Amino acid sequence: MRRRSPARLRSAAFELLEDPADADPLYLRLLSAVSRVHGSSATPADYARAALSAVRAVEK
C-alpha cells in the first residue's frame, strides 16, 4: 500500500465548502421539518405536510 503525503491531505480538495443556501432561514426551517418526519415509514404526504407547515410558519 502506498503512503499518502500529509501535505496532500491539506490540499484544497478536502476543504469544506459552505453552501449559500445554508444562510437562508426558510431553507433551514424546511430542512429541519423534513428531517423530523424522515424515516422508513414516511410517505410523500408526510414530507409535503412538514414543508407546508414550515412555509406557513414563516409567513405568519
C-alpha atoms as a PDB file:
ATOM      1  CA  MET A   1       0.000   0.000   0.000  1.00  0.00           C
ATOM      2  CA  ARG A   2       1.342   3.410  -0.981  1.00  0.00           C
ATOM      3  CA  ARG A   3       1.715   6.035   1.739  1.00  0.00           C
ATOM      4  CA  ARG A   4      -0.073   9.337   1.252  1.00  0.00           C
ATOM      5  CA  SER A   5       1.721  12.574   1.846  1.00  0.00           C
ATOM      6  CA  PRO A   6       0.298  14.634   4.747  1.00  0.00           C
ATOM      7  CA  ALA A   7       0.723  17.711   2.544  1.00  0.00           C
ATOM      8  CA  ARG A   8      -1.715  16.179   0.043  1.00  0.00           C
ATOM      9  CA  LEU A   9      -4.351  15.854   2.761  1.00  0.00           C
ATOM     10  CA  ARG A  10      -4.119  19.606   3.397  1.00  0.00           C
ATOM     11  CA  SER A  11      -4.908  20.427  -0.224  1.00  0.00           C
ATOM     12  CA  ALA A  12      -7.928  22.390  -1.425  1.00  0.00           C
ATOM     13  CA  ALA A  13      -9.535  19.104  -2.492  1.00  0.00           C
ATOM     14  CA  PHE A  14     -10.530  18.489   1.126  1.00  0.00           C
ATOM     15  CA  GLU A  15     -11.795  21.962   2.059  1.00  0.00           C
ATOM     16  CA  LEU A  16     -15.294  22.218   3.444  1.00  0.00           C
ATOM     17  CA  LEU A  17     -17.473  24.179   1.075  1.00  0.00           C
ATOM     18  CA  GLU A  18     -20.181  26.352   2.555  1.00  0.00           C
ATOM     19  CA  ASP A  19     -23.462  26.379   0.721  1.00  0.00           C
ATOM     20  CA  PRO A  20     -25.018  29.875   0.499  1.00  0.00           C
ATOM     21  CA  ALA A  21     -28.429  28.237   0.911  1.00  0.00           C
ATOM     22  CA  ASP A  22     -27.434  27.352   4.486  1.00  0.00           C
ATOM     23  CA  ALA A  23     -27.849  31.017   5.402  1.00  0.00           C
ATOM     24  CA  ASP A  24     -31.475  31.116   4.182  1.00  0.00           C
ATOM     25  CA  PRO A  25     -33.798  30.782   7.211  1.00  0.00           C
ATOM     26  CA  LEU A  26     -36.584  29.204   5.116  1.00  0.00           C
ATOM     27  CA  TYR A  27     -34.224  26.550   3.779  1.00  0.00           C
ATOM     28  CA  LEU A  28     -33.056  25.719   7.297  1.00  0.00           C
ATOM     29  CA  ARG A  29     -36.654  25.563   8.556  1.00  0.00           C
ATOM     30  CA  LEU A  30     -37.641  23.256   5.667  1.00  0.00           C
ATOM     31  CA  LEU A  31     -34.622  21.051   6.250  1.00  0.00           C
ATOM     32  CA  SER A  32     -35.475  20.780   9.924  1.00  0.00           C
ATOM     33  CA  ALA A  33     -39.137  19.963   9.241  1.00  0.00           C
ATOM     34  CA  VAL A  34     -38.275  17.305   6.679  1.00  0.00           C
ATOM     35  CA  SER A  35     -35.663  15.717   8.929  1.00  0.00           C
ATOM     36  CA  ARG A  36     -38.231  15.403  11.730  1.00  0.00           C
ATOM     37  CA  VAL A  37     -40.570  13.284   9.584  1.00  0.00           C
ATOM     38  CA  HIS A  38     -37.872  11.346   7.731  1.00  0.00           C
ATOM     39  CA  GLY A  39     -37.899   7.636   8.341  1.00  0.00           C
ATOM     40  CA  SER A  40     -38.623   4.277   6.782  1.00  0.00           C
ATOM     41  CA  SER A  41     -42.384   4.744   7.125  1.00  0.00           C
ATOM     42  CA  ALA A  42     -42.513   8.382   5.942  1.00  0.00           C
ATOM     43  CA  THR A  43     -44.753   8.996   2.946  1.00  0.00           C
ATOM     44  CA  PRO A  44     -44.562  11.780   0.367  1.00  0.00           C
ATOM     45  CA  ALA A  45     -47.599  13.300   2.070  1.00  0.00           C
ATOM     46  CA  ASP A  46     -45.665  13.443   5.371  1.00  0.00           C
ATOM     47  CA  TYR A  47     -42.895  15.409   3.677  1.00  0.00           C
ATOM     48  CA  ALA A  48     -45.411  17.700   1.974  1.00  0.00           C
ATOM     49  CA  ARG A  49     -47.214  18.421   5.257  1.00  0.00           C
ATOM     50  CA  ALA A  50     -43.919  19.133   7.010  1.00  0.00           C
ATOM     51  CA  ALA A  51     -42.831  21.528   4.252  1.00  0.00           C
ATOM     52  CA  LEU A  52     -46.211  23.268   4.168  1.00  0.00           C
ATOM     53  CA  SER A  53     -46.226  23.793   7.922  1.00  0.00           C
ATOM     54  CA  ALA A  54     -42.690  25.224   7.772  1.00  0.00           C
ATOM     55  CA  VAL A  55     -43.627  27.643   4.986  1.00  0.00           C
ATOM     56  CA  ARG A  56     -46.803  28.713   6.775  1.00  0.00           C
ATOM     57  CA  ALA A  57     -44.871  29.345   9.982  1.00  0.00           C
ATOM     58  CA  VAL A  58     -42.545  31.739   8.115  1.00  0.00           C
ATOM     59  CA  GLU A  59     -45.489  33.585   6.518  1.00  0.00           C
ATOM     60  CA  LYS A  60     -47.026  34.454   9.910  1.00  0.00           C
END
